Protein backbone atom coordinates (compact mmCIF):
# COMPACT_ATOMS: atom_id res chain seq x y z
CA MET A 1 55.13 149.77 0.99
CA ASP A 2 53.40 153.16 -0.05
CA ASN A 3 54.63 154.91 -3.44
CA ILE A 4 56.85 157.67 -1.74
CA SER A 5 58.62 155.24 0.51
CA ARG A 6 58.99 153.03 -2.44
CA ARG A 7 59.99 155.80 -4.79
CA SER A 8 63.00 157.02 -2.23
CA LEU A 9 64.33 153.76 -2.29
CA LEU A 10 64.64 153.27 -5.89
CA SER A 11 65.82 157.11 -6.17
CA ALA A 12 68.19 156.71 -3.36
CA GLY A 13 69.95 153.61 -4.49
CA LEU A 14 72.15 151.14 -2.67
CA GLY A 15 75.40 151.35 -2.19
CA ALA A 16 78.60 149.52 -1.06
CA GLY A 17 77.39 149.59 2.23
CA LEU A 18 74.49 147.19 1.98
CA VAL A 19 76.67 144.10 0.54
CA ALA A 20 77.38 142.94 4.03
CA ALA A 21 73.20 142.56 4.25
CA TRP A 22 73.30 140.06 1.22
CA PRO A 23 71.88 137.45 3.30
CA GLY A 24 73.22 133.90 2.16
CA ALA A 25 74.94 135.55 -1.20
CA ALA A 26 78.48 134.74 -0.33
CA VAL A 27 78.60 131.70 -2.19
CA ALA A 28 76.12 132.86 -5.12
CA VAL A 29 78.29 136.05 -5.55
CA SER A 30 82.11 134.54 -4.67
CA THR A 31 82.67 134.59 -8.73
CA ALA A 32 81.66 138.34 -8.70
CA ASP A 33 83.84 139.55 -6.41
CA ASP A 34 86.86 139.99 -8.52
CA ALA A 35 85.73 142.77 -10.70
CA GLY A 36 88.54 144.83 -9.49
CA LEU A 37 86.62 147.88 -10.59
CA ARG A 38 87.29 150.87 -8.75
CA THR A 39 84.37 153.20 -9.48
CA ASP A 40 80.51 152.61 -9.83
CA PRO A 41 80.22 150.62 -12.71
CA PHE A 42 76.22 150.10 -12.51
CA LEU A 43 76.07 154.49 -14.37
CA LEU A 44 73.42 152.87 -16.91
CA GLY A 45 70.93 152.03 -14.29
CA ILE A 46 68.74 148.70 -14.52
CA ALA A 47 65.79 147.37 -16.51
CA SER A 48 63.25 144.53 -16.56
CA GLY A 49 60.88 143.84 -19.24
CA GLU A 50 59.09 140.98 -20.74
CA PRO A 51 56.34 139.27 -18.14
CA TRP A 52 55.42 136.36 -18.42
CA PRO A 53 53.42 134.27 -15.60
CA ASP A 54 56.65 132.72 -14.42
CA GLY A 55 59.30 135.23 -15.01
CA PHE A 56 60.57 138.22 -16.70
CA VAL A 57 64.08 139.64 -17.99
CA ILE A 58 66.51 141.75 -15.92
CA TRP A 59 68.77 143.88 -17.46
CA THR A 60 72.03 145.89 -16.88
CA ARG A 61 75.02 147.05 -18.76
CA LEU A 62 78.22 148.02 -16.78
CA ALA A 63 80.11 151.34 -17.82
CA LEU A 64 82.68 153.46 -16.06
CA ASP A 65 82.42 156.39 -18.69
CA PRO A 66 79.21 156.12 -20.39
CA ILE A 67 80.05 158.31 -23.16
CA ALA A 68 83.33 157.04 -24.12
CA GLU A 69 83.70 157.15 -27.98
CA ASP A 70 84.43 153.57 -28.65
CA GLY A 71 81.13 152.49 -27.41
CA LEU A 72 82.64 150.45 -24.55
CA GLY A 73 81.81 152.80 -21.48
CA GLY A 74 85.63 152.59 -20.54
CA MET A 75 85.33 149.38 -19.11
CA PRO A 76 88.46 146.87 -19.23
CA SER A 77 89.02 144.23 -21.86
CA ARG A 78 87.69 141.30 -20.15
CA ASN A 79 84.57 139.75 -19.36
CA VAL A 80 83.40 140.83 -15.85
CA ALA A 81 81.16 138.65 -13.37
CA VAL A 82 77.68 140.15 -12.47
CA ALA A 83 75.77 139.04 -9.61
CA TRP A 84 71.74 139.32 -9.41
CA GLU A 85 69.22 138.49 -6.90
CA VAL A 86 65.37 138.66 -6.98
CA ALA A 87 63.10 139.22 -3.98
CA GLU A 88 59.76 139.33 -2.49
CA ASP A 89 60.43 142.47 -0.69
CA ALA A 90 62.08 146.16 -1.56
CA GLY A 91 64.51 145.28 1.49
CA MET A 92 65.96 142.55 -0.43
CA ARG A 93 65.23 140.25 2.74
CA THR A 94 63.09 137.44 1.20
CA VAL A 95 65.27 136.43 -2.02
CA VAL A 96 63.68 133.81 -4.20
CA ALA A 97 66.37 133.73 -6.92
CA ARG A 98 70.01 134.31 -7.42
CA GLY A 99 72.74 133.68 -9.72
CA VAL A 100 75.77 135.15 -11.68
CA GLU A 101 76.09 136.07 -15.39
CA GLN A 102 78.98 137.25 -17.40
CA ALA A 103 78.84 140.65 -18.61
CA ARG A 104 80.56 139.83 -21.78
CA ILE A 105 82.93 142.73 -23.68
CA GLU A 106 81.76 141.48 -27.03
CA THR A 107 77.96 142.65 -26.08
CA ALA A 108 79.39 145.93 -24.40
CA HIS A 109 79.07 144.39 -20.88
CA SER A 110 75.27 144.09 -21.01
CA VAL A 111 73.74 141.58 -18.71
CA HIS A 112 70.28 139.72 -19.57
CA VAL A 113 69.16 137.12 -17.54
CA GLU A 114 65.51 135.48 -17.99
CA LEU A 115 63.94 134.44 -14.83
CA LYS A 116 61.89 131.46 -14.84
CA GLY A 117 59.86 129.45 -12.07
CA LEU A 118 58.34 132.46 -10.19
CA ARG A 119 54.63 133.00 -9.16
CA PRO A 120 52.28 134.62 -11.62
CA GLY A 121 50.74 138.15 -10.91
CA ARG A 122 53.27 139.08 -8.42
CA GLU A 123 55.19 141.81 -7.52
CA TYR A 124 59.56 141.42 -7.05
CA PHE A 125 62.09 143.30 -6.74
CA TYR A 126 66.03 142.82 -8.18
CA ARG A 127 69.38 143.95 -7.96
CA PHE A 128 72.91 143.45 -9.32
CA ARG A 129 76.62 143.58 -7.92
CA THR A 130 79.84 143.55 -8.75
CA GLY A 131 82.82 143.41 -6.56
CA ARG A 132 81.89 145.98 -3.84
CA HIS A 133 79.37 147.83 -6.10
CA VAL A 134 75.64 147.22 -5.75
CA SER A 135 73.17 148.59 -7.97
CA VAL A 136 69.99 150.21 -6.82
CA VAL A 137 66.78 148.31 -6.53
CA GLY A 138 64.27 147.71 -9.20
CA ARG A 139 60.77 146.76 -8.82
CA THR A 140 59.09 144.48 -11.76
CA LEU A 141 56.22 141.77 -11.62
CA THR A 142 54.98 138.58 -13.38
CA SER A 143 52.12 138.85 -15.68
CA PRO A 144 48.99 136.68 -14.41
CA ALA A 145 48.26 133.21 -14.85
CA PRO A 146 46.95 132.64 -18.02
CA HIS A 147 43.46 131.62 -16.98
CA GLU A 148 43.16 134.35 -14.32
CA THR A 149 41.56 137.96 -14.91
CA PRO A 150 43.14 140.63 -12.59
CA ALA A 151 41.10 143.29 -11.01
CA ALA A 152 43.12 145.77 -13.06
CA LEU A 153 46.23 146.79 -14.50
CA ALA A 154 47.91 150.30 -14.27
CA MET A 155 49.79 150.63 -17.84
CA ALA A 156 51.84 153.47 -19.01
CA PHE A 157 52.81 154.25 -22.74
CA ALA A 158 55.44 156.97 -23.98
CA SER A 159 57.61 157.57 -26.86
CA CYS A 160 60.17 159.99 -28.53
CA SER A 161 62.31 161.05 -26.12
CA GLN A 162 65.10 163.36 -28.00
CA TYR A 163 67.51 164.11 -25.36
CA GLU A 164 68.78 167.35 -27.10
CA HIS A 165 65.59 168.62 -27.17
CA GLY A 166 64.67 168.74 -23.57
CA TYR A 167 64.96 167.25 -19.96
CA PHE A 168 63.30 163.94 -19.53
CA THR A 169 61.11 164.96 -16.46
CA ALA A 170 58.53 163.32 -17.87
CA TYR A 171 59.97 160.23 -17.30
CA SER A 172 60.28 160.79 -13.67
CA ARG A 173 56.81 161.76 -13.24
CA LEU A 174 55.82 158.60 -15.24
CA ALA A 175 57.88 156.82 -12.78
CA GLN A 176 55.92 158.63 -9.38
CA ASP A 177 52.83 157.58 -11.16
CA HIS A 178 53.91 154.18 -10.29
CA PRO A 179 52.34 151.85 -13.36
CA ASP A 180 52.51 148.45 -12.99
CA LEU A 181 53.62 148.22 -17.36
CA VAL A 182 55.40 150.29 -19.03
CA LEU A 183 54.92 150.32 -23.20
CA HIS A 184 57.82 152.37 -24.94
CA LEU A 185 56.63 153.03 -28.59
CA GLY A 186 59.69 153.89 -29.99
CA ASP A 187 62.51 156.59 -30.75
CA TYR A 188 63.98 155.85 -27.56
CA ILE A 189 67.40 157.25 -28.65
CA TYR A 190 67.79 159.75 -31.68
CA GLU A 191 70.72 159.49 -34.41
CA TYR A 192 71.34 163.01 -35.03
CA LYS A 193 74.93 164.69 -34.37
CA LYS A 194 75.00 168.03 -32.29
CA ASP A 195 73.44 170.92 -33.95
CA SER A 196 71.87 168.96 -36.84
CA TYR A 197 68.55 169.19 -35.50
CA VAL A 198 68.13 172.37 -33.28
CA ILE A 199 64.38 173.68 -31.68
CA GLY A 200 63.67 177.11 -31.43
CA GLY A 201 65.62 178.77 -28.78
CA GLY A 202 68.21 176.08 -29.21
CA ASN A 203 68.71 172.86 -27.84
CA PRO A 204 68.99 172.62 -24.11
CA ARG A 205 71.54 169.73 -23.92
CA ASP A 206 73.79 167.96 -26.94
CA HIS A 207 74.19 164.62 -28.14
CA GLN A 208 78.17 162.94 -27.76
CA GLY A 209 79.58 162.00 -31.14
CA PRO A 210 78.65 162.07 -34.39
CA GLU A 211 75.24 161.12 -36.23
CA THR A 212 74.86 157.01 -35.18
CA SER A 213 75.85 155.01 -38.03
CA SER A 214 78.73 152.41 -36.38
CA LEU A 215 78.32 150.05 -33.63
CA ALA A 216 80.45 152.15 -31.46
CA GLY A 217 78.17 155.26 -32.48
CA TYR A 218 74.85 153.47 -31.19
CA ARG A 219 76.63 151.71 -28.23
CA GLN A 220 77.54 155.46 -27.00
CA ARG A 221 74.33 157.07 -27.94
CA HIS A 222 72.83 154.63 -25.97
CA ALA A 223 74.62 154.82 -22.70
CA GLN A 224 74.32 158.52 -22.97
CA TYR A 225 70.59 158.36 -22.70
CA LYS A 226 70.76 155.32 -20.05
CA SER A 227 72.86 157.52 -17.79
CA ASP A 228 69.64 159.70 -17.64
CA ALA A 229 68.08 159.76 -14.47
CA ASP A 230 64.81 160.22 -14.78
CA LEU A 231 64.73 157.41 -17.61
CA GLN A 232 66.79 155.29 -14.83
CA ALA A 233 63.76 155.96 -12.85
CA ALA A 234 61.28 155.06 -15.07
CA HIS A 235 62.83 151.81 -15.90
CA ALA A 236 63.59 150.98 -11.99
CA ILE A 237 59.68 151.07 -11.36
CA ALA A 238 58.29 148.47 -13.41
CA PRO A 239 58.92 146.24 -16.68
CA TRP A 240 58.80 147.74 -19.88
CA LEU A 241 57.79 146.40 -23.24
CA VAL A 242 59.69 148.06 -26.17
CA VAL A 243 59.77 148.52 -29.73
CA TRP A 244 61.44 150.58 -31.86
CA ASP A 245 60.32 153.47 -34.80
CA ASP A 246 62.71 154.90 -36.69
CA HIS A 247 65.40 157.04 -34.78
CA GLU A 248 66.79 154.03 -33.34
CA VAL A 249 68.48 153.57 -36.77
CA ASP A 250 67.30 156.24 -39.09
CA ASN A 251 65.05 158.76 -39.94
CA ASN A 252 61.97 157.49 -41.70
CA TRP A 253 63.76 154.31 -42.89
CA ALA A 254 62.08 151.50 -44.65
CA ASP A 255 62.87 147.86 -44.94
CA GLU A 256 66.69 148.04 -46.13
CA ILE A 257 65.86 151.62 -47.67
CA PRO A 258 67.82 154.73 -45.72
CA GLU A 259 66.64 158.18 -45.62
CA ASN A 260 69.36 159.22 -47.57
CA THR A 261 71.08 157.89 -50.54
CA ASP A 262 73.22 160.98 -51.72
CA ALA A 263 76.86 161.66 -50.94
CA GLY A 264 76.04 164.83 -48.83
CA GLN A 265 74.44 162.63 -46.08
CA LEU A 266 75.76 159.43 -45.24
CA ASN A 267 75.78 157.90 -48.76
CA ASP A 268 73.74 155.11 -47.63
CA THR A 269 73.98 152.49 -50.07
CA THR A 270 71.94 149.29 -49.60
CA GLU A 271 75.21 147.30 -48.38
CA HIS A 272 76.10 150.18 -46.16
CA PHE A 273 72.43 150.87 -45.17
CA ARG A 274 72.35 147.15 -44.11
CA GLN A 275 75.58 147.54 -41.90
CA ARG A 276 74.07 150.39 -40.00
CA ARG A 277 70.79 148.46 -39.20
CA THR A 278 73.01 145.44 -38.26
CA ALA A 279 75.12 148.02 -35.71
CA ALA A 280 71.61 149.15 -34.78
CA PHE A 281 69.97 146.45 -33.82
CA GLN A 282 73.23 145.17 -32.06
CA ALA A 283 73.14 148.08 -29.90
CA TYR A 284 69.34 147.97 -29.40
CA TYR A 285 69.42 144.75 -28.10
CA GLU A 286 72.35 145.22 -25.99
CA ASN A 287 70.71 148.27 -24.14
CA MET A 288 67.29 146.57 -23.80
CA PRO A 289 65.34 143.95 -21.33
CA LEU A 290 64.57 141.65 -24.22
CA ARG A 291 64.16 137.70 -24.29
CA ALA A 292 66.89 136.05 -25.97
CA SER A 293 64.12 135.23 -28.98
CA SER A 294 64.91 138.98 -30.44
CA VAL A 295 68.86 138.59 -30.17
CA PRO A 296 69.51 139.96 -34.31
CA ALA A 297 70.73 138.00 -36.60
CA GLY A 298 72.56 140.42 -38.52
CA PHE A 299 70.52 143.17 -40.03
CA ASP A 300 67.42 141.36 -39.04
CA MET A 301 65.88 141.35 -35.55
CA LYS A 302 62.36 140.12 -34.52
CA ILE A 303 60.38 142.48 -32.23
CA TYR A 304 56.99 141.89 -32.81
CA ARG A 305 55.39 139.41 -30.14
CA THR A 306 52.55 138.82 -27.93
CA ILE A 307 52.67 139.66 -24.29
CA GLN A 308 49.12 138.17 -22.66
CA TRP A 309 48.12 139.51 -19.36
CA GLY A 310 46.06 137.08 -18.26
CA GLN A 311 42.57 136.64 -19.77
CA LEU A 312 42.35 140.79 -19.18
CA ALA A 313 44.44 141.97 -22.17
CA ASN A 314 46.79 141.00 -25.13
CA PHE A 315 49.50 143.24 -25.99
CA HIS A 316 50.53 143.03 -29.88
CA MET A 317 53.62 144.71 -29.81
CA MET A 318 54.58 145.78 -33.49
CA ASP A 319 57.23 146.29 -36.06
CA THR A 320 56.38 149.25 -38.87
CA ARG A 321 59.64 149.55 -40.14
CA GLN A 322 61.47 146.42 -40.68
CA TYR A 323 59.09 144.83 -43.12
CA ARG A 324 57.67 148.14 -45.10
CA ASP A 325 57.37 148.99 -48.18
CA ASP A 326 59.24 152.28 -49.10
CA GLN A 327 57.18 155.32 -48.47
CA LEU A 328 55.51 156.97 -51.62
CA ALA A 329 56.40 160.10 -53.77
CA GLY A 330 59.43 160.69 -51.99
CA ASP A 331 57.75 160.44 -48.23
CA GLY A 332 55.99 163.23 -46.20
CA TRP A 333 52.65 164.62 -46.58
CA LYS A 334 51.28 164.41 -50.34
CA LYS A 335 48.14 165.18 -52.29
CA ASN A 336 46.30 162.37 -54.37
CA VAL A 337 48.49 159.69 -53.94
CA THR A 338 46.66 157.08 -55.71
CA GLU A 339 49.11 154.49 -55.08
CA ARG A 340 48.89 154.25 -51.38
CA LEU A 341 45.32 152.59 -52.15
CA ALA A 342 47.10 149.76 -53.84
CA GLU A 343 46.11 146.46 -52.38
CA ASP A 344 49.47 144.94 -52.27
CA ARG A 345 51.34 147.66 -50.29
CA THR A 346 52.09 146.62 -46.63
CA ILE A 347 53.52 148.36 -43.43
CA THR A 348 53.91 145.24 -41.70
CA GLY A 349 54.94 142.61 -44.14
CA ALA A 350 52.97 139.53 -44.94
CA GLU A 351 54.39 137.39 -42.01
CA GLN A 352 53.82 139.76 -39.39
CA GLU A 353 50.32 140.76 -41.14
CA LYS A 354 49.37 136.85 -40.70
CA TRP A 355 50.68 136.64 -37.17
CA LEU A 356 48.50 139.56 -36.03
CA LEU A 357 45.40 138.38 -37.67
CA ASP A 358 45.73 134.77 -36.13
CA GLY A 359 46.40 136.63 -32.68
CA PHE A 360 42.97 138.17 -33.26
CA LYS A 361 41.36 134.89 -34.14
CA ASN A 362 43.02 133.07 -31.03
CA SER A 363 42.11 135.83 -28.83
CA THR A 364 40.10 135.15 -25.61
CA GLN A 365 41.34 138.07 -23.69
CA ARG A 366 38.89 140.89 -22.76
CA TRP A 367 40.97 143.50 -24.50
CA ASP A 368 43.58 143.35 -27.70
CA ILE A 369 45.88 146.34 -27.78
CA LEU A 370 48.48 147.04 -30.29
CA GLY A 371 51.75 148.70 -29.47
CA GLN A 372 52.87 150.20 -32.57
CA GLN A 373 54.38 153.25 -34.06
CA VAL A 374 52.98 155.70 -36.66
CA PHE A 375 49.49 157.36 -36.69
CA PHE A 376 46.75 154.67 -37.50
CA ALA A 377 43.52 156.69 -38.13
CA GLU A 378 42.93 158.51 -41.35
CA LYS A 379 44.01 162.14 -41.05
CA ASP A 380 43.27 164.25 -44.10
CA ARG A 381 44.70 167.76 -44.12
CA ASN A 382 42.70 168.86 -46.95
CA LYS A 383 39.02 169.97 -46.42
CA ALA A 384 37.99 168.92 -49.94
CA PRO A 385 36.86 165.63 -50.45
CA GLU A 386 37.78 164.97 -53.77
CA ILE A 387 41.73 166.06 -52.93
CA ASP A 388 43.26 164.12 -49.86
CA ASP A 389 46.55 165.40 -48.24
CA VAL A 390 47.65 162.78 -45.66
CA SER A 391 50.84 161.45 -44.43
CA MET A 392 53.00 158.64 -46.52
CA ASP A 393 54.86 157.40 -43.32
CA GLY A 394 51.92 156.74 -41.17
CA TRP A 395 49.17 154.01 -42.14
CA ASP A 396 47.54 156.67 -44.62
CA GLY A 397 50.23 155.54 -46.77
CA TYR A 398 49.39 151.90 -46.35
CA ALA A 399 45.49 152.15 -46.37
CA ALA A 400 45.12 148.49 -47.90
CA SER A 401 47.35 147.22 -45.06
CA ARG A 402 45.22 149.21 -42.42
CA ARG A 403 42.00 147.98 -43.54
CA ARG A 404 42.87 144.49 -43.62
CA ILE A 405 44.08 144.84 -39.76
CA THR A 406 41.14 146.81 -38.92
CA GLN A 407 38.68 144.25 -40.71
CA GLY A 408 40.76 141.28 -39.25
CA TRP A 409 39.55 142.26 -35.76
CA VAL A 410 36.24 142.86 -36.97
CA ASP A 411 35.87 139.43 -38.40
CA ALA A 412 37.66 137.71 -35.55
CA ASN A 413 35.04 139.32 -33.27
CA VAL A 414 37.65 141.01 -31.01
CA ARG A 415 35.84 142.14 -28.11
CA ASN A 416 37.76 145.16 -27.72
CA ALA A 417 40.63 146.50 -30.27
CA VAL A 418 42.81 149.39 -29.03
CA VAL A 419 45.70 150.96 -31.04
CA LEU A 420 48.57 152.56 -29.29
CA THR A 421 50.73 155.34 -31.37
CA GLY A 422 53.74 157.26 -30.88
CA ASP A 423 56.09 158.93 -33.46
CA VAL A 424 53.90 162.37 -33.94
CA HIS A 425 54.70 164.64 -30.94
CA ARG A 426 51.56 165.29 -30.30
CA ASN A 427 48.45 163.99 -28.09
CA TRP A 428 45.44 162.59 -30.33
CA ALA A 429 42.33 160.33 -29.31
CA ASN A 430 40.47 158.93 -32.24
CA ASP A 431 37.60 156.65 -33.33
CA ILE A 432 38.33 153.80 -35.63
CA LYS A 433 36.51 153.04 -38.70
CA VAL A 434 37.17 150.43 -41.53
CA ASP A 435 35.80 153.06 -44.45
CA TYR A 436 36.37 156.70 -43.24
CA ARG A 437 34.79 157.97 -46.32
CA ASP A 438 31.39 156.62 -45.80
CA PRO A 439 29.89 158.59 -42.78
CA ALA A 440 27.74 155.64 -41.62
CA SER A 441 30.54 153.26 -41.14
CA PRO A 442 30.93 152.01 -37.76
CA VAL A 443 33.34 152.62 -35.12
CA VAL A 444 35.16 149.65 -34.64
CA GLY A 445 38.18 150.46 -32.11
CA SER A 446 39.95 153.35 -30.62
CA GLU A 447 43.46 154.81 -31.08
CA LEU A 448 45.11 156.65 -28.32
CA VAL A 449 48.42 158.58 -29.59
CA CYS A 450 50.83 159.81 -27.04
CA THR A 451 53.04 163.06 -27.25
CA SER A 452 56.50 162.89 -26.94
CA ILE A 453 58.53 162.83 -23.84
CA SER A 454 60.85 165.59 -25.13
CA SER A 455 60.92 165.68 -28.81
CA THR A 456 60.36 169.44 -30.48
CA GLY A 457 60.79 171.17 -26.94
CA ASN A 458 58.19 172.52 -24.96
CA GLY A 459 55.07 172.56 -27.10
CA THR A 460 52.51 175.06 -27.56
CA GLY A 461 49.76 173.30 -25.17
CA SER A 462 47.22 174.08 -28.23
CA THR A 463 44.14 171.93 -28.16
CA VAL A 464 43.03 172.69 -31.36
CA ASP A 465 44.08 171.32 -34.74
CA PRO A 466 41.86 172.55 -37.91
CA VAL A 467 41.72 169.21 -39.19
CA MET A 468 39.22 167.77 -36.79
CA ALA A 469 36.69 169.98 -38.65
CA TRP A 470 36.37 167.61 -41.42
CA ASN A 471 37.95 164.30 -39.88
CA PRO A 472 35.20 164.05 -37.37
CA HIS A 473 36.83 160.52 -36.04
CA LEU A 474 39.47 162.51 -34.63
CA LYS A 475 37.96 163.45 -30.79
CA PHE A 476 40.97 165.32 -29.07
CA TYR A 477 44.39 166.92 -29.99
CA ASN A 478 47.11 168.41 -27.73
CA ASP A 479 50.65 170.01 -28.33
CA ASN A 480 52.33 169.59 -24.79
CA ARG A 481 55.00 166.86 -23.92
CA GLY A 482 54.28 163.80 -21.39
CA TYR A 483 52.97 160.55 -21.38
CA VAL A 484 49.52 158.33 -20.97
CA ASN A 485 48.34 156.99 -18.10
CA THR A 486 45.98 153.97 -18.63
CA THR A 487 43.73 151.80 -16.22
CA ILE A 488 42.44 148.38 -17.86
CA THR A 489 39.60 146.76 -16.13
CA LYS A 490 37.14 144.09 -17.28
CA ASP A 491 34.72 146.98 -17.67
CA ALA A 492 36.55 149.88 -19.23
CA LEU A 493 40.00 151.09 -20.39
CA THR A 494 40.54 154.75 -19.10
CA ALA A 495 43.27 156.86 -20.40
CA ASP A 496 44.97 160.27 -19.08
CA PHE A 497 46.88 162.36 -21.11
CA ARG A 498 49.48 163.51 -18.72
CA VAL A 499 51.28 166.59 -19.67
CA LEU A 500 54.05 168.64 -18.73
CA ASP A 501 54.80 172.64 -18.63
CA HIS A 502 58.13 172.62 -20.04
CA VAL A 503 60.75 170.40 -20.72
CA THR A 504 63.63 172.63 -21.47
CA THR A 505 64.41 173.49 -18.17
CA PRO A 506 64.10 170.50 -15.70
CA GLY A 507 61.57 169.90 -13.05
CA SER A 508 58.08 170.71 -14.55
CA PRO A 509 55.13 169.50 -12.72
CA VAL A 510 52.96 167.01 -14.57
CA SER A 511 48.93 167.26 -15.08
CA THR A 512 45.94 165.72 -16.47
CA LYS A 513 45.29 167.63 -19.81
CA ALA A 514 42.25 164.79 -20.73
CA SER A 515 40.91 161.75 -19.92
CA PHE A 516 39.03 159.32 -21.71
CA ALA A 517 37.24 155.80 -21.28
CA ILE A 518 36.60 152.81 -23.45
CA GLN A 519 33.58 150.69 -22.22
CA ASP A 520 33.94 147.11 -22.60
CA GLY A 521 31.90 146.10 -25.81
CA VAL A 522 31.30 149.64 -26.64
CA PRO A 523 33.63 150.69 -29.70
CA GLY A 524 34.52 154.27 -29.50
CA LEU A 525 35.72 157.13 -26.95
CA VAL A 526 34.03 158.56 -24.08
CA GLY A 527 35.00 162.12 -22.54
CA GLY A 528 37.71 164.64 -23.19
């Protein structure tokens, strides 16, 4: 099926009229026929994620009133049976798996189905039903068999979607580009209450509810975001790999340390922040297509993991929030903070660092790709070499941790190392070195930084940042909103920085601001 007809199918959705065309489904869905819901409960869309060679996760969450204050979406106080099916075609005629799950009240009527037993490297389609209501059809894929090297992978990545700062047009444009895999690198939601984070000219949309700190609040906020049609289109087009950054919980949190501890804010004591993390993690799992291995355990939730794409690529999805040391010097940009160089400082924690270094040692893949949150390459805002001015929240604030990771892939003879980054609401493309202060230090990898989907509004369109003059490894900068498309083959990884003219009104066209290539076995960026 061509892209236009598939997109039309996904955007148009499937209504109750298709229930009769659900072949052979009578037995499988009979227990889903008594839902008794008078209106469409699939207002939050559908999603898939976590592809592996014989399956993936498919997800939905039922809601009749997504912004209900109690976070339960206006659903009745009982479990609801939901039927699902997976097919080889978008018309759902060749069904290969089906079943029924309970959308349980204790998990806000969310449904996670982990599929197994499917064929590797294949395109599949899926949908859900409860009573007379049928969801739209989603497209997803299994990853290739472990020994296979596919000809190419179309992968897009994005981050930072502040609902109040603009429309999510970039998500719909991403869906129209038809990727086979989407990585979301954090700040999927934002925690702020209305009128507390305002862009110039005013916010075009508003959050519902208070600043998120309770389970009800996080559930309500996720549901408000998931109600957005552009975001739903991006979820329906391909499987996602997700990691959080800070705003899924609290701005610039670090391990068990919140942003604010003063009474004028949320007065986040350690104990209160643990409760806040517990609520945020529970809602995050409920609203994301994650495996059962990521089910939270109180205020802990493991989201770092590796997903293999045959012999073509490893995707090492990281967590740079939950295990990090606190930001130094009160956070922010600071000058000459020598403690940032301390050997014992970590942004990953010891266990995650070992997992990643072991992953490098065991890798046989052509590309090792790190899906992570904050700026990796050194970015010094001060021109004078004897004075540095760097961000305490990014890897510059954890310089020894960065050196260990970078040296780790060098020592393991990783063939091609690429770091993917979000967080900073700007596009960047950077060369990576082990030692940035030594001009002779070789380039050992590349960093691609995506801008925001909407955070901070329209942007200026600028492609000039003065720090590039004395940070020659920083190769590209741009201040637009958008996302990045990549095509990964055994010979090269190409990246197109896709940008929008505006986000404070809907419907912006998309264009490619710049393109770069990374050649197999040749560290560093080519193009611009």
